[in-house]
């Protein structure tokens, strides 16, 4: 949810799903299962073309590849955690103590 503002007003994005990690962690066990299964089911039936993984881990890349079958997966390859991504952006020191902005010029 901390990175949602980066993409929420992009006119080229048809749908944006945000995982609210802090809210999820505050739920009791059975509500966590319900929340996660509802999210997984909803995303599985969306037929996405691309996934932007702005996290620092590999679990969302794994889900995007094997559960949601998203063909293009772009994200950070911090400590080789981007193994399930199709387009990896090297990130040596993580996000600690700095803002991260990456720009790629297209022709």
N, C-alpha and C. Protein backbone atom coordinates (compact mmCIF):
# COMPACT_ATOMS: atom_id res chain seq x y z
N UNK A 1 0.81 -1.21 0.00
CA UNK A 1 0.00 0.00 0.00
C UNK A 1 0.85 1.27 0.00
N UNK A 2 2.11 1.15 0.44
CA UNK A 2 2.96 2.34 0.48
C UNK A 2 3.37 2.80 -0.91
N UNK A 3 3.28 1.95 -1.91
CA UNK A 3 3.69 2.30 -3.27
C UNK A 3 2.50 2.53 -4.20
N UNK A 4 1.30 2.44 -3.68
CA UNK A 4 0.09 2.58 -4.49
C UNK A 4 0.03 3.92 -5.23
N UNK A 5 0.46 5.00 -4.61
CA UNK A 5 0.38 6.33 -5.21
C UNK A 5 1.21 6.46 -6.48
N UNK A 6 2.21 5.62 -6.64
CA UNK A 6 3.06 5.67 -7.84
C UNK A 6 2.25 5.32 -9.09
N UNK A 7 1.29 4.43 -8.96
CA UNK A 7 0.58 3.91 -10.12
C UNK A 7 -0.90 4.28 -10.19
N UNK A 8 -1.49 4.78 -9.11
CA UNK A 8 -2.95 4.90 -9.05
C UNK A 8 -3.57 5.85 -10.08
N UNK A 9 -2.85 6.85 -10.57
CA UNK A 9 -3.42 7.77 -11.55
C UNK A 9 -2.85 7.60 -12.95
N UNK A 10 -2.17 6.49 -13.19
CA UNK A 10 -1.61 6.21 -14.50
C UNK A 10 -2.75 5.83 -15.45
N UNK A 11 -2.93 6.58 -16.55
CA UNK A 11 -4.06 6.29 -17.45
C UNK A 11 -3.92 4.99 -18.23
N UNK A 12 -2.73 4.37 -18.21
CA UNK A 12 -2.52 3.13 -18.95
C UNK A 12 -2.81 1.89 -18.11
N UNK A 13 -3.19 2.09 -16.87
CA UNK A 13 -3.48 0.98 -15.97
C UNK A 13 -4.99 0.84 -15.83
N UNK A 14 -5.49 -0.33 -16.17
CA UNK A 14 -6.94 -0.58 -16.12
C UNK A 14 -7.43 -0.93 -14.72
N UNK A 15 -6.60 -1.64 -13.96
CA UNK A 15 -6.99 -2.05 -12.62
C UNK A 15 -5.76 -2.09 -11.73
N UNK A 16 -5.94 -1.68 -10.50
CA UNK A 16 -4.84 -1.67 -9.54
C UNK A 16 -5.33 -2.35 -8.26
N UNK A 17 -4.65 -3.40 -7.87
CA UNK A 17 -4.99 -4.12 -6.65
C UNK A 17 -3.88 -3.89 -5.64
N UNK A 18 -4.27 -3.49 -4.47
CA UNK A 18 -3.29 -3.16 -3.43
C UNK A 18 -3.43 -4.13 -2.27
N UNK A 19 -2.31 -4.68 -1.89
CA UNK A 19 -2.25 -5.57 -0.73
C UNK A 19 -1.91 -4.72 0.48
N UNK A 20 -2.80 -4.68 1.46
CA UNK A 20 -2.60 -3.88 2.67
C UNK A 20 -2.00 -4.78 3.76
N UNK A 21 -0.68 -4.85 3.75
CA UNK A 21 0.05 -5.76 4.62
C UNK A 21 -0.23 -5.51 6.11
N UNK A 22 -0.26 -4.25 6.53
CA UNK A 22 -0.49 -3.95 7.94
C UNK A 22 -1.88 -4.37 8.39
N UNK A 23 -2.88 -4.13 7.52
CA UNK A 23 -4.24 -4.56 7.84
C UNK A 23 -4.31 -6.09 7.91
N UNK A 24 -3.70 -6.75 6.95
CA UNK A 24 -3.69 -8.21 6.92
C UNK A 24 -3.07 -8.78 8.19
N UNK A 25 -1.95 -8.23 8.60
CA UNK A 25 -1.26 -8.73 9.80
C UNK A 25 -2.06 -8.52 11.08
N UNK A 26 -2.96 -7.54 11.08
CA UNK A 26 -3.75 -7.26 12.29
C UNK A 26 -4.98 -8.17 12.43
N UNK A 27 -5.31 -8.93 11.39
CA UNK A 27 -6.50 -9.77 11.41
C UNK A 27 -6.28 -11.05 12.21
N UNK A 28 -7.36 -11.57 12.82
CA UNK A 28 -7.28 -12.90 13.44
C UNK A 28 -7.06 -13.96 12.36
N UNK A 29 -6.58 -15.12 12.75
CA UNK A 29 -6.16 -16.18 11.83
C UNK A 29 -7.18 -16.50 10.75
N UNK A 30 -8.44 -16.77 11.11
CA UNK A 30 -9.43 -17.18 10.12
C UNK A 30 -9.82 -16.03 9.20
N UNK A 31 -9.78 -14.81 9.68
CA UNK A 31 -10.03 -13.66 8.81
C UNK A 31 -8.87 -13.46 7.83
N UNK A 32 -7.65 -13.79 8.27
CA UNK A 32 -6.51 -13.74 7.36
C UNK A 32 -6.70 -14.71 6.20
N UNK A 33 -7.13 -15.91 6.51
CA UNK A 33 -7.37 -16.92 5.47
C UNK A 33 -8.44 -16.44 4.50
N UNK A 34 -9.52 -15.88 5.02
CA UNK A 34 -10.60 -15.37 4.18
C UNK A 34 -10.11 -14.22 3.30
N UNK A 35 -9.39 -13.28 3.88
CA UNK A 35 -8.86 -12.12 3.15
C UNK A 35 -7.94 -12.57 2.02
N UNK A 36 -7.02 -13.45 2.34
CA UNK A 36 -6.05 -13.91 1.36
C UNK A 36 -6.70 -14.75 0.26
N UNK A 37 -7.61 -15.64 0.61
CA UNK A 37 -8.25 -16.47 -0.41
C UNK A 37 -9.13 -15.62 -1.33
N UNK A 38 -9.80 -14.63 -0.78
CA UNK A 38 -10.61 -13.73 -1.61
C UNK A 38 -9.72 -12.95 -2.58
N UNK A 39 -8.59 -12.45 -2.09
CA UNK A 39 -7.66 -11.72 -2.94
C UNK A 39 -7.09 -12.62 -4.03
N UNK A 40 -6.66 -13.82 -3.67
CA UNK A 40 -6.09 -14.75 -4.64
C UNK A 40 -7.11 -15.13 -5.71
N UNK A 41 -8.34 -15.40 -5.30
CA UNK A 41 -9.40 -15.76 -6.25
C UNK A 41 -9.70 -14.60 -7.19
N UNK A 42 -9.82 -13.40 -6.65
CA UNK A 42 -10.11 -12.21 -7.46
C UNK A 42 -9.02 -11.98 -8.50
N UNK A 43 -7.78 -12.06 -8.08
CA UNK A 43 -6.68 -11.81 -8.99
C UNK A 43 -6.53 -12.92 -10.03
N UNK A 44 -6.81 -14.14 -9.65
CA UNK A 44 -6.68 -15.28 -10.57
C UNK A 44 -7.59 -15.13 -11.78
N UNK A 45 -8.73 -14.49 -11.62
CA UNK A 45 -9.71 -14.38 -12.69
C UNK A 45 -9.68 -13.04 -13.43
N UNK A 46 -8.57 -12.32 -13.32
CA UNK A 46 -8.47 -11.01 -13.97
C UNK A 46 -7.80 -11.03 -15.34
N UNK A 47 -7.01 -12.04 -15.64
CA UNK A 47 -6.32 -12.12 -16.93
C UNK A 47 -5.36 -10.94 -17.16
N UNK A 48 -4.45 -10.72 -16.24
CA UNK A 48 -3.51 -9.61 -16.32
C UNK A 48 -2.47 -9.83 -17.41
N UNK A 49 -1.99 -8.73 -17.99
CA UNK A 49 -0.91 -8.75 -18.98
C UNK A 49 0.45 -8.52 -18.31
N UNK A 50 0.45 -7.71 -17.25
CA UNK A 50 1.72 -7.29 -16.65
C UNK A 50 1.54 -7.10 -15.15
N UNK A 51 2.60 -7.38 -14.43
CA UNK A 51 2.62 -7.21 -12.98
C UNK A 51 3.84 -6.37 -12.61
N UNK A 52 3.62 -5.29 -11.86
CA UNK A 52 4.71 -4.50 -11.30
C UNK A 52 4.85 -4.88 -9.84
N UNK A 53 5.92 -5.56 -9.53
CA UNK A 53 6.16 -6.00 -8.15
C UNK A 53 7.12 -5.00 -7.50
N UNK A 54 6.59 -4.15 -6.64
CA UNK A 54 7.40 -3.11 -6.00
C UNK A 54 7.86 -3.53 -4.61
N UNK A 55 7.80 -4.81 -4.33
CA UNK A 55 8.24 -5.30 -3.03
C UNK A 55 9.72 -5.65 -3.09
N UNK A 56 10.23 -6.09 -1.98
CA UNK A 56 11.65 -6.46 -1.88
C UNK A 56 11.81 -7.97 -1.66
N UNK A 57 10.82 -8.75 -2.06
CA UNK A 57 10.89 -10.19 -1.84
C UNK A 57 10.44 -10.94 -3.09
N UNK A 58 10.40 -12.25 -3.02
CA UNK A 58 10.06 -13.03 -4.21
C UNK A 58 8.68 -13.68 -4.18
N UNK A 59 7.93 -13.53 -3.10
CA UNK A 59 6.65 -14.24 -3.02
C UNK A 59 5.62 -13.73 -4.02
N UNK A 60 5.61 -12.42 -4.32
CA UNK A 60 4.62 -11.89 -5.27
C UNK A 60 4.99 -12.27 -6.70
N UNK A 61 6.27 -12.31 -7.00
CA UNK A 61 6.71 -12.79 -8.31
C UNK A 61 6.33 -14.24 -8.52
N UNK A 62 6.46 -15.05 -7.47
CA UNK A 62 6.05 -16.45 -7.52
C UNK A 62 4.55 -16.56 -7.80
N UNK A 63 3.75 -15.80 -7.04
CA UNK A 63 2.30 -15.84 -7.25
C UNK A 63 1.93 -15.37 -8.65
N UNK A 64 2.58 -14.30 -9.12
CA UNK A 64 2.28 -13.76 -10.44
C UNK A 64 2.59 -14.78 -11.54
N UNK A 65 3.63 -15.56 -11.35
CA UNK A 65 4.00 -16.55 -12.37
C UNK A 65 3.16 -17.82 -12.29
N UNK A 66 3.09 -18.42 -11.12
CA UNK A 66 2.50 -19.76 -11.02
C UNK A 66 1.01 -19.78 -10.65
N UNK A 67 0.53 -18.79 -9.95
CA UNK A 67 -0.89 -18.78 -9.56
C UNK A 67 -1.72 -17.94 -10.53
N UNK A 68 -1.23 -16.72 -10.83
CA UNK A 68 -2.01 -15.81 -11.67
C UNK A 68 -1.62 -15.88 -13.14
N UNK A 69 -0.53 -16.57 -13.48
CA UNK A 69 -0.11 -16.78 -14.87
C UNK A 69 0.03 -15.45 -15.63
N UNK A 70 0.69 -14.48 -15.03
CA UNK A 70 0.91 -13.17 -15.65
C UNK A 70 2.20 -13.26 -16.47
N UNK A 71 2.13 -13.00 -17.78
CA UNK A 71 3.30 -13.22 -18.63
C UNK A 71 4.46 -12.25 -18.42
N UNK A 72 4.19 -11.00 -18.11
CA UNK A 72 5.26 -10.02 -17.91
C UNK A 72 5.27 -9.59 -16.45
N UNK A 73 6.41 -9.83 -15.78
CA UNK A 73 6.54 -9.53 -14.36
C UNK A 73 7.78 -8.67 -14.14
N UNK A 74 7.57 -7.42 -13.75
CA UNK A 74 8.66 -6.46 -13.60
C UNK A 74 8.82 -6.12 -12.12
N UNK A 75 10.08 -6.11 -11.66
CA UNK A 75 10.30 -5.76 -10.27
C UNK A 75 11.77 -5.72 -9.91
N UNK A 76 12.02 -5.53 -8.62
CA UNK A 76 13.37 -5.40 -8.11
C UNK A 76 14.00 -6.77 -7.85
N UNK A 77 15.29 -6.87 -8.16
CA UNK A 77 16.03 -8.10 -7.92
C UNK A 77 16.99 -7.85 -6.76
N UNK A 78 16.46 -7.63 -5.59
CA UNK A 78 17.24 -7.37 -4.39
C UNK A 78 17.69 -8.70 -3.77
N UNK A 79 18.98 -8.89 -3.64
CA UNK A 79 19.56 -10.12 -3.10
C UNK A 79 19.04 -11.36 -3.84
N UNK A 80 18.92 -11.24 -5.16
CA UNK A 80 18.47 -12.32 -6.05
C UNK A 80 17.06 -12.82 -5.73
N UNK A 81 16.22 -11.95 -5.18
CA UNK A 81 14.86 -12.33 -4.84
C UNK A 81 13.90 -12.17 -6.02
N UNK A 82 14.39 -11.74 -7.16
CA UNK A 82 13.55 -11.55 -8.33
C UNK A 82 13.56 -12.71 -9.28
N UNK A 83 13.81 -13.89 -8.78
CA UNK A 83 13.98 -15.07 -9.65
C UNK A 83 12.76 -15.42 -10.49
N UNK A 84 11.57 -14.97 -10.09
CA UNK A 84 10.35 -15.29 -10.84
C UNK A 84 9.93 -14.14 -11.75
N UNK A 85 10.73 -13.08 -11.83
CA UNK A 85 10.41 -11.92 -12.65
C UNK A 85 10.96 -12.10 -14.06
N UNK A 86 10.29 -11.54 -15.04
CA UNK A 86 10.78 -11.57 -16.41
C UNK A 86 11.68 -10.38 -16.70
N UNK A 87 11.49 -9.27 -16.00
CA UNK A 87 12.29 -8.06 -16.15
C UNK A 87 12.76 -7.66 -14.76
N UNK A 88 14.07 -7.81 -14.53
CA UNK A 88 14.64 -7.60 -13.20
C UNK A 88 15.42 -6.28 -13.14
N UNK A 89 15.15 -5.51 -12.10
CA UNK A 89 15.85 -4.26 -11.87
C UNK A 89 16.77 -4.48 -10.68
N UNK A 90 18.08 -4.33 -10.89
CA UNK A 90 19.03 -4.56 -9.81
C UNK A 90 18.86 -3.49 -8.73
N UNK A 91 18.87 -3.94 -7.49
CA UNK A 91 18.75 -3.06 -6.34
C UNK A 91 19.71 -3.59 -5.28
N UNK A 92 20.85 -2.94 -5.13
CA UNK A 92 21.91 -3.48 -4.28
C UNK A 92 21.65 -3.35 -2.78
N UNK A 93 21.18 -2.22 -2.32
CA UNK A 93 21.08 -1.98 -0.88
C UNK A 93 19.64 -1.88 -0.37
N UNK A 94 18.70 -2.34 -1.10
CA UNK A 94 17.32 -2.28 -0.66
C UNK A 94 16.79 -0.86 -0.62
N UNK A 95 15.73 -0.64 0.13
CA UNK A 95 15.11 0.67 0.23
C UNK A 95 15.56 1.43 1.47
N UNK A 96 16.37 0.84 2.27
CA UNK A 96 16.72 1.38 3.58
C UNK A 96 17.27 2.81 3.50
N UNK A 97 16.55 3.75 4.12
CA UNK A 97 17.01 5.12 4.25
C UNK A 97 17.00 5.96 3.01
N UNK A 98 16.28 5.54 1.96
CA UNK A 98 16.27 6.33 0.73
C UNK A 98 15.00 6.09 -0.05
N UNK A 99 14.74 7.04 -0.93
CA UNK A 99 13.63 6.90 -1.85
C UNK A 99 14.15 6.19 -3.09
N UNK A 100 13.30 5.41 -3.72
CA UNK A 100 13.72 4.69 -4.91
C UNK A 100 12.88 5.18 -6.08
N UNK A 101 13.55 5.66 -7.12
CA UNK A 101 12.88 6.07 -8.35
C UNK A 101 13.70 5.56 -9.51
N UNK A 102 13.06 4.88 -10.43
CA UNK A 102 13.76 4.32 -11.57
C UNK A 102 13.05 4.80 -12.83
N UNK A 103 13.84 5.25 -13.78
CA UNK A 103 13.29 5.73 -15.04
C UNK A 103 14.01 5.03 -16.18
N UNK A 104 13.26 4.64 -17.17
CA UNK A 104 13.85 4.02 -18.35
C UNK A 104 13.37 4.79 -19.55
N UNK A 105 14.29 5.33 -20.31
CA UNK A 105 13.96 6.09 -21.50
C UNK A 105 13.63 5.12 -22.61
N UNK A 106 12.49 5.34 -23.25
CA UNK A 106 12.09 4.49 -24.37
C UNK A 106 12.17 5.31 -25.66
N UNK A 107 12.46 4.63 -26.74
CA UNK A 107 12.55 5.32 -28.03
C UNK A 107 11.47 4.86 -28.96
